[in-house]
């Protein structure tokens, strides 16, 4: 035993020396790998910056995240947040800016980056849209509401939910209710509230109540009974059409008379202009074209007023006649009936009245 111990004593220093040398080599290798990794990360960071400057935010974001795996710093987190903001992912960008602020808190060398990140978080808080969801009072307590497939906690109902700008799917379901689904497009800064109508399904109708009872047998004398109401309805329809046509004719005649009055007023105004501009019927030469136009207009306005007045008087007369007269027993009935008036040797005046959804329509035709 003593011999073995004496034999091992000379070998101990050599073993320790070999172990120390191996550890030193491993540390050197790790240091070399770290230096190579940092150099590659710096190169990748520069490439990501160029991609971000060109607006290639998706490419830049992927490279910045690879850099963060090598060395996570405040500037790297800030650039990740900026790319997320450029992609419109405002919620995640807000979290990334806050992560940069937390990492750089108290470090003087990152003070400017932290200050800029705080400015972005302030503006993003206003730009991020918010959606408030509530369910109908009759909805079961087991109702489940989802936004873009993610379930919404019950505690979040009735509270503003921050969402990224864009289109979002809102679905809801519960036992024995009609499922709900809709799409909502939210622009930046939107503040929207939505009521989710989760109401119970309608009870099924009893099929027994759908069976129609056979109609009672009618006596032979009842076969002709419907004819009397049909004639009454036809007569009522004809009377209504005549009344509608009469009022339309009166209204049209009154409108034409008003138009005639307005035309006469315009003619008198043009005559006054001519008298003022041409005292003693002597018109200035520099206004010859203008005064000639006024004179022509005044000459045309007189006949126009006369025609409008005549048609207006005819319309009022025809309408009054329709309203005061009774329908002829042999007159055709229905919505498209025509009535002839003033049939004589010199011509014919025909009035057609048709009911319409907003009132009636009058067709006035004259031949002479």
Protein backbone atom coordinates (compact mmCIF):
# COMPACT_ATOMS: atom_id res chain seq x y z
CA UNK A 1 0.00 0.00 0.00
CA UNK A 2 2.80 2.38 0.92
CA UNK A 3 4.45 1.51 -2.37
CA UNK A 4 1.39 2.53 -4.36
CA UNK A 5 1.13 5.85 -2.58
CA UNK A 6 4.79 6.58 -3.20
CA UNK A 7 4.28 5.71 -6.88
CA UNK A 8 1.28 8.06 -7.28
CA UNK A 9 2.92 11.07 -5.69
CA UNK A 10 5.19 11.87 -8.67
CA UNK A 11 2.23 11.59 -11.10
CA UNK A 12 -0.10 14.03 -9.25
CA UNK A 13 1.50 17.33 -10.42
CA UNK A 14 1.41 16.17 -14.03
CA UNK A 15 -2.31 15.33 -13.83
CA UNK A 16 -3.17 18.70 -12.32
CA UNK A 17 -1.12 20.43 -14.97
CA UNK A 18 -2.91 18.60 -17.78
CA UNK A 19 -6.36 19.44 -16.33
CA UNK A 20 -5.48 23.12 -15.99
CA UNK A 21 -4.19 23.23 -19.54
CA UNK A 22 -7.39 21.63 -20.89
CA UNK A 23 -9.55 24.10 -18.96
CA UNK A 24 -7.50 27.00 -20.30
CA UNK A 25 -7.90 25.75 -23.87
CA UNK A 26 -11.65 25.42 -23.38
CA UNK A 27 -11.91 28.97 -22.06
CA UNK A 28 -9.89 30.26 -25.01
CA UNK A 29 -12.17 28.43 -27.41
CA UNK A 30 -15.25 29.83 -25.73
CA UNK A 31 -13.76 33.32 -25.80
CA UNK A 32 -12.91 32.94 -29.47
CA UNK A 33 -16.42 31.71 -30.23
CA UNK A 34 -17.89 34.60 -28.29
CA UNK A 35 -15.77 37.09 -30.17
CA UNK A 36 -16.74 35.51 -33.47
CA UNK A 37 -20.37 35.52 -32.42
CA UNK A 38 -20.26 39.20 -31.45
CA UNK A 39 -18.60 40.08 -34.74
CA UNK A 40 -21.29 38.20 -36.65
CA UNK A 41 -23.99 39.85 -34.52
CA UNK A 42 -22.58 43.33 -35.26
CA UNK A 43 -22.57 42.53 -38.97
CA UNK A 44 -26.13 41.22 -38.75
CA UNK A 45 -27.21 44.33 -36.83
CA UNK A 46 -25.85 46.55 -39.61
CA UNK A 47 -27.72 44.50 -42.23
CA UNK A 48 -30.93 44.78 -40.21
CA UNK A 49 -30.55 48.56 -39.97
CA UNK A 50 -30.24 48.85 -43.75
CA UNK A 51 -33.33 46.68 -44.24
CA UNK A 52 -35.28 48.83 -41.78
CA UNK A 53 -34.24 52.03 -43.55
CA UNK A 54 -35.59 50.58 -46.82
CA UNK A 55 -38.91 49.76 -45.19
CA UNK A 56 -38.32 45.98 -45.17
CA UNK A 57 -39.57 45.71 -41.59
CA UNK A 58 -40.21 41.93 -41.64
CA UNK A 59 -36.64 41.16 -42.79
CA UNK A 60 -35.16 43.65 -40.33
CA UNK A 61 -37.22 42.25 -37.45
CA UNK A 62 -36.02 38.70 -38.07
CA UNK A 63 -32.38 39.82 -38.07
CA UNK A 64 -32.71 42.01 -34.97
CA UNK A 65 -34.21 39.08 -33.09
CA UNK A 66 -31.25 36.89 -34.09
CA UNK A 67 -28.92 39.59 -32.80
CA UNK A 68 -30.81 39.64 -29.49
CA UNK A 69 -30.13 35.91 -29.08
CA UNK A 70 -26.40 36.69 -29.14
CA UNK A 71 -26.46 39.91 -27.11
CA UNK A 72 -29.63 41.46 -25.77
CA UNK A 73 -29.17 45.24 -25.44
CA UNK A 74 -31.39 48.30 -25.13
CA UNK A 75 -30.72 49.47 -28.73
CA UNK A 76 -31.56 46.00 -30.08
CA UNK A 77 -34.87 45.90 -28.20
CA UNK A 78 -35.65 49.44 -29.38
CA UNK A 79 -35.06 48.47 -33.01
CA UNK A 80 -37.26 45.38 -32.61
CA UNK A 81 -40.04 47.63 -31.29
CA UNK A 82 -39.60 50.06 -34.20
CA UNK A 83 -39.94 47.22 -36.75
CA UNK A 84 -43.08 45.94 -35.04
CA UNK A 85 -44.54 49.44 -35.19
CA UNK A 86 -43.70 49.64 -38.89
CA UNK A 87 -45.54 46.35 -39.47
CA UNK A 88 -48.67 47.72 -37.75
CA UNK A 89 -48.32 45.34 -34.77
CA UNK A 90 -48.84 48.18 -32.33
CA UNK A 91 -49.68 46.08 -29.26
CA UNK A 92 -46.47 44.02 -29.50
CA UNK A 93 -44.49 47.15 -30.37
CA UNK A 94 -45.72 48.80 -27.17
CA UNK A 95 -44.51 45.82 -25.13
CA UNK A 96 -41.13 45.86 -26.91
CA UNK A 97 -40.63 49.58 -26.21
CA UNK A 98 -41.49 48.97 -22.56
CA UNK A 99 -38.97 46.10 -22.45
CA UNK A 100 -36.26 48.46 -23.74
CA UNK A 101 -37.21 51.01 -21.06
CA UNK A 102 -37.03 48.38 -18.30
CA UNK A 103 -33.66 47.03 -19.51
CA UNK A 104 -32.07 50.49 -19.78
CA UNK A 105 -33.43 51.92 -16.53
CA UNK A 106 -30.61 53.53 -14.54
CA UNK A 107 -27.92 53.07 -17.22
CA UNK A 108 -26.54 56.47 -18.32
CA UNK A 109 -25.26 55.20 -21.67
CA UNK A 110 -28.80 54.18 -22.72
CA UNK A 111 -30.51 57.31 -21.40
CA UNK A 112 -31.29 58.77 -24.84
CA UNK A 113 -32.68 55.48 -26.20
CA UNK A 114 -34.88 55.05 -23.11
CA UNK A 115 -36.19 58.61 -23.46
CA UNK A 116 -37.10 58.01 -27.12
CA UNK A 117 -38.80 54.70 -26.24
CA UNK A 118 -40.96 56.50 -23.67
CA UNK A 119 -42.11 58.97 -26.34
CA UNK A 120 -43.17 56.06 -28.55
CA UNK A 121 -45.09 54.34 -25.77
CA UNK A 122 -47.02 57.54 -25.11
CA UNK A 123 -48.08 57.94 -28.75
CA UNK A 124 -48.84 54.23 -29.23
CA UNK A 125 -51.19 54.26 -26.26
CA UNK A 126 -53.39 56.73 -28.17
CA UNK A 127 -53.06 55.06 -31.58
CA UNK A 128 -53.98 51.52 -30.54
CA UNK A 129 -57.70 50.86 -31.23
CA UNK A 130 -59.93 49.67 -28.39
CA UNK A 131 -63.00 47.41 -28.58
CA UNK A 132 -65.47 47.00 -25.72
CA UNK A 133 -67.60 43.83 -25.85
CA UNK A 134 -70.72 43.10 -23.82
CA UNK A 135 -73.21 40.25 -24.08
CA UNK A 136 -76.99 40.56 -24.08
CA UNK A 137 -78.69 40.33 -20.68
CA UNK A 138 -80.40 37.06 -21.66
CA UNK A 139 -77.09 35.33 -22.47
CA UNK A 140 -76.25 32.27 -20.30
CA UNK A 141 -73.46 32.54 -17.75
CA UNK A 142 -71.54 29.88 -19.69
CA UNK A 143 -71.24 32.10 -22.77
CA UNK A 144 -67.85 32.14 -24.49
CA UNK A 145 -66.68 35.14 -26.50
CA UNK A 146 -63.60 34.97 -28.75
CA UNK A 147 -61.60 37.58 -30.62
CA UNK A 148 -59.61 36.22 -33.57
CA UNK A 149 -60.06 32.74 -32.10
CA UNK A 150 -58.67 33.61 -28.66
CA UNK A 151 -61.15 33.28 -25.76
CA UNK A 152 -61.91 36.49 -23.91
CA UNK A 153 -61.90 36.19 -20.11
CA UNK A 154 -65.23 36.99 -18.50
CA UNK A 155 -63.53 39.71 -16.44
CA UNK A 156 -62.62 41.53 -19.69
CA UNK A 157 -66.24 41.90 -20.82
CA UNK A 158 -67.37 45.49 -20.60
CA UNK A 159 -63.78 46.80 -20.56
CA UNK A 160 -61.82 48.38 -23.45
CA UNK A 161 -59.66 45.74 -25.17
CA UNK A 162 -56.61 47.05 -27.09
CA UNK A 163 -56.28 45.53 -30.56
CA UNK A 164 -54.06 46.09 -33.55
CA UNK A 165 -55.52 48.13 -36.44
CA UNK A 166 -57.22 45.99 -39.06
CA UNK A 167 -60.01 43.42 -39.36
CA UNK A 168 -60.88 41.18 -36.42
CA UNK A 169 -63.29 38.24 -36.04
CA UNK A 170 -65.65 38.32 -33.06
CA UNK A 171 -67.48 35.06 -32.26
CA UNK A 172 -69.64 33.96 -29.38
CA UNK A 173 -71.45 30.78 -28.42
CA UNK A 174 -73.36 29.22 -25.56
CA UNK A 175 -75.60 26.17 -25.08
CA UNK A 176 -79.10 26.54 -26.55
CA UNK A 177 -78.35 29.91 -28.17
CA UNK A 178 -77.91 31.15 -31.72
CA UNK A 179 -74.13 31.41 -32.44
CA UNK A 180 -72.84 34.90 -33.17
CA UNK A 181 -70.09 35.91 -35.58
CA UNK A 182 -69.07 39.21 -37.14
CA UNK A 183 -66.04 41.02 -38.53
CA UNK A 184 -64.97 44.45 -37.34
CA UNK A 185 -62.41 46.69 -39.04
CA UNK A 186 -60.68 49.03 -36.59
CA UNK A 187 -58.63 52.00 -37.77
CA UNK A 188 -56.02 53.61 -35.55
CA UNK A 189 -57.41 55.51 -32.52
CA UNK A 190 -60.83 53.82 -32.90
CA UNK A 191 -62.97 53.41 -29.78
CA UNK A 192 -65.85 51.00 -30.47
CA UNK A 193 -68.45 49.18 -28.34
CA UNK A 194 -70.31 46.06 -29.52
CA UNK A 195 -73.23 44.19 -27.98
CA UNK A 196 -73.08 40.43 -28.63
CA UNK A 197 -76.68 39.13 -28.95
CA UNK A 198 -76.51 35.64 -27.44
CA UNK A 199 -80.24 34.99 -27.07
CA UNK A 200 -81.86 31.58 -26.48
CA UNK A 201 -82.97 29.65 -29.54
CA UNK A 202 -86.71 29.97 -30.33
CA UNK A 203 -88.79 27.06 -29.14
CA UNK A 204 -89.81 24.64 -31.94
CA UNK A 205 -93.37 25.00 -33.12
CA UNK A 206 -95.82 22.23 -32.32
CA UNK A 207 -96.47 20.35 -35.54
CA UNK A 208 -100.00 19.49 -34.39
CA UNK A 209 -101.02 23.14 -34.59
CA UNK A 210 -99.87 23.32 -38.20
CA UNK A 211 -102.60 20.93 -39.43
CA UNK A 212 -105.20 23.02 -41.19
CA UNK A 213 -108.82 22.20 -40.49
CA UNK A 214 -110.92 21.43 -43.57
CA UNK A 215 -113.18 24.31 -44.58
CA UNK A 216 -116.88 23.92 -43.76
CA UNK A 217 -119.20 22.87 -46.53
CA UNK A 218 -120.85 25.78 -48.32
CA UNK A 219 -124.46 25.76 -49.38
CA UNK A 220 -125.13 25.96 -53.14
CA UNK A 221 -126.39 29.51 -52.81
CA UNK A 222 -122.97 30.63 -51.46
CA UNK A 223 -121.19 30.03 -54.76
CA UNK A 224 -122.12 33.43 -56.13
CA UNK A 225 -121.62 35.25 -52.81
CA UNK A 226 -118.01 36.42 -53.46
CA UNK A 227 -119.12 38.32 -56.56
CA UNK A 228 -120.81 41.07 -54.57
CA UNK A 229 -117.73 41.97 -52.46
CA UNK A 230 -115.58 41.84 -55.60
CA UNK A 231 -117.85 44.34 -57.30
CA UNK A 232 -117.80 46.56 -54.22
CA UNK A 233 -114.01 46.42 -54.08
CA UNK A 234 -113.80 47.18 -57.79
CA UNK A 235 -116.13 50.14 -57.38
CA UNK A 236 -114.17 51.37 -54.39
CA UNK A 237 -110.90 51.04 -56.30
CA UNK A 238 -112.35 52.97 -59.23
CA UNK A 239 -113.62 55.72 -56.94
CA UNK A 240 -110.27 55.95 -55.18
CA UNK A 241 -108.45 56.18 -58.51
CA UNK A 242 -110.80 58.94 -59.69
CA UNK A 243 -110.35 60.88 -56.46
CA UNK A 244 -106.56 60.54 -56.66
CA UNK A 245 -106.54 61.62 -60.29
CA UNK A 246 -108.78 64.59 -59.48
CA UNK A 247 -106.53 65.90 -56.75
CA UNK A 248 -103.47 65.39 -58.94
CA UNK A 249 -105.11 67.37 -61.74
CA UNK A 250 -105.99 70.21 -59.34
CA UNK A 251 -102.45 70.22 -57.92
CA UNK A 252 -100.90 70.20 -61.38
CA UNK A 253 -103.16 73.03 -62.52
CA UNK A 254 -102.30 75.11 -59.47
CA UNK A 255 -98.58 74.50 -60.07
CA UNK A 256 -98.93 75.60 -63.68
CA UNK A 257 -100.73 78.79 -62.61
CA UNK A 258 -97.95 79.55 -60.15
CA UNK A 259 -95.43 78.98 -62.96
CA UNK A 260 -97.37 81.38 -65.16
CA UNK A 261 -97.27 84.03 -62.42
CA UNK A 262 -93.53 83.59 -61.94
CA UNK A 263 -92.95 83.84 -65.70
CA UNK A 264 -94.97 87.06 -65.89
CA UNK A 265 -92.97 88.49 -62.99
CA UNK A 266 -89.73 87.68 -64.80
CA UNK A 267 -91.06 89.28 -67.99
CA UNK A 268 -91.98 92.46 -66.11
CA UNK A 269 -88.50 92.53 -64.56
CA UNK A 270 -86.87 92.24 -67.99
CA UNK A 271 -89.09 95.04 -69.37
CA UNK A 272 -88.07 97.27 -66.45
CA UNK A 273 -84.42 96.59 -67.19
CA UNK A 274 -84.91 97.58 -70.82
CA UNK A 275 -86.75 100.78 -69.87
CA UNK A 276 -83.99 101.75 -67.44
CA UNK A 277 -81.22 101.00 -69.91
CA UNK A 278 -82.93 102.57 -72.95
CA UNK A 279 -84.54 105.89 -72.01
CA UNK A 280 -86.68 107.26 -74.84
CA UNK A 281 -86.09 103.93 -76.67
CA UNK A 282 -82.44 104.84 -77.23
CA UNK A 283 -80.14 101.99 -76.15
CA UNK A 284 -76.38 102.37 -75.63
CA UNK A 285 -74.32 100.67 -78.30
CA UNK A 286 -71.82 99.05 -75.91
CA UNK A 287 -74.64 96.97 -74.29
CA UNK A 288 -76.34 96.00 -77.54
CA UNK A 289 -75.76 92.23 -77.16
CA UNK A 290 -76.89 92.15 -73.52
CA UNK A 291 -80.01 94.24 -74.13
CA UNK A 292 -80.89 92.23 -77.22
CA UNK A 293 -80.81 89.04 -75.14
CA UNK A 294 -83.06 90.60 -72.49
CA UNK A 295 -85.50 91.79 -75.17
CA UNK A 296 -85.69 88.33 -76.76
CA UNK A 297 -86.27 86.72 -73.38
CA UNK A 298 -89.06 89.16 -72.53
CA UNK A 299 -90.74 88.49 -75.87
CA UNK A 300 -90.70 84.72 -75.22
CA UNK A 301 -91.85 84.94 -71.59
CA UNK A 302 -95.22 86.42 -72.52
CA UNK A 303 -96.47 83.46 -74.63
CA UNK A 304 -94.99 80.97 -72.19
CA UNK A 305 -96.92 82.55 -69.33
CA UNK A 306 -100.10 82.40 -71.39
CA UNK A 307 -99.66 78.70 -72.18
CA UNK A 308 -98.93 77.86 -68.53
CA UNK A 309 -101.96 79.81 -67.38
CA UNK A 310 -104.19 78.05 -69.90
CA UNK A 311 -102.96 74.60 -68.98
CA UNK A 312 -103.29 75.43 -65.29
CA UNK A 313 -106.90 76.49 -65.71
CA UNK A 314 -107.64 73.31 -67.68
CA UNK A 315 -106.01 71.16 -65.02
CA UNK A 316 -107.97 72.75 -62.19
CA UNK A 317 -111.18 72.47 -64.17
CA UNK A 318 -110.61 68.82 -65.02
CA UNK A 319 -109.67 67.98 -61.44
CA UNK A 320 -112.71 69.75 -60.06
CA UNK A 321 -114.95 67.93 -62.50
CA UNK A 322 -113.48 64.55 -61.50
CA UNK A 323 -113.88 65.26 -57.79
CA UNK A 324 -117.48 66.47 -58.10
CA UNK A 325 -118.76 64.00 -60.68
CA UNK A 326 -119.82 60.41 -60.06
CA UNK A 327 -118.33 57.52 -62.09
CA UNK A 328 -120.40 56.35 -65.02
CA UNK A 329 -121.94 52.92 -64.47
CA UNK A 330 -120.35 51.59 -67.64
CA UNK A 331 -116.94 53.16 -67.02
CA UNK A 332 -114.01 50.77 -66.86
CA UNK A 333 -112.61 50.18 -63.39
CA UNK A 334 -109.17 49.43 -62.03
CA UNK A 335 -105.91 51.16 -61.43
CA UNK A 336 -105.40 51.96 -65.10
CA UNK A 337 -108.82 53.40 -66.01
CA UNK A 338 -109.05 56.36 -68.37
CA UNK A 339 -111.80 58.99 -68.37
CA UNK A 340 -112.67 61.12 -71.42
CA UNK A 341 -113.89 64.70 -70.99
CA UNK A 342 -114.74 67.59 -73.27
CA UNK A 343 -115.38 65.22 -76.17
CA UNK A 344 -116.72 67.43 -78.91
CA UNK A 345 -116.37 68.57 -82.44
CA UNK A 346 -113.13 70.48 -81.89
CA UNK A 347 -111.10 67.85 -80.07
CA UNK A 348 -110.73 65.59 -77.07
CA UNK A 349 -109.16 65.88 -73.63
CA UNK A 350 -108.26 62.53 -72.01
CA UNK A 351 -107.24 62.11 -68.38
CA UNK A 352 -105.74 58.85 -67.07
CA UNK A 353 -105.24 58.32 -63.33
CA UNK A 354 -103.02 55.57 -61.88
CA UNK A 355 -102.32 55.03 -58.17
CA UNK A 356 -98.66 54.80 -57.23
CA UNK A 357 -96.75 53.94 -54.00
CA UNK A 358 -96.22 57.57 -53.11
CA UNK A 359 -99.61 58.88 -54.31
CA UNK A 360 -101.00 58.91 -57.84
CA UNK A 361 -99.96 59.62 -61.40
CA UNK A 362 -101.91 61.78 -63.83
CA UNK A 363 -101.67 61.35 -67.62
CA UNK A 364 -103.20 64.31 -69.49
CA UNK A 365 -103.51 63.96 -73.27
CA UNK A 366 -105.08 66.52 -75.61
CA UNK A 367 -105.85 66.33 -79.33
CA UNK A 368 -107.36 69.13 -81.40
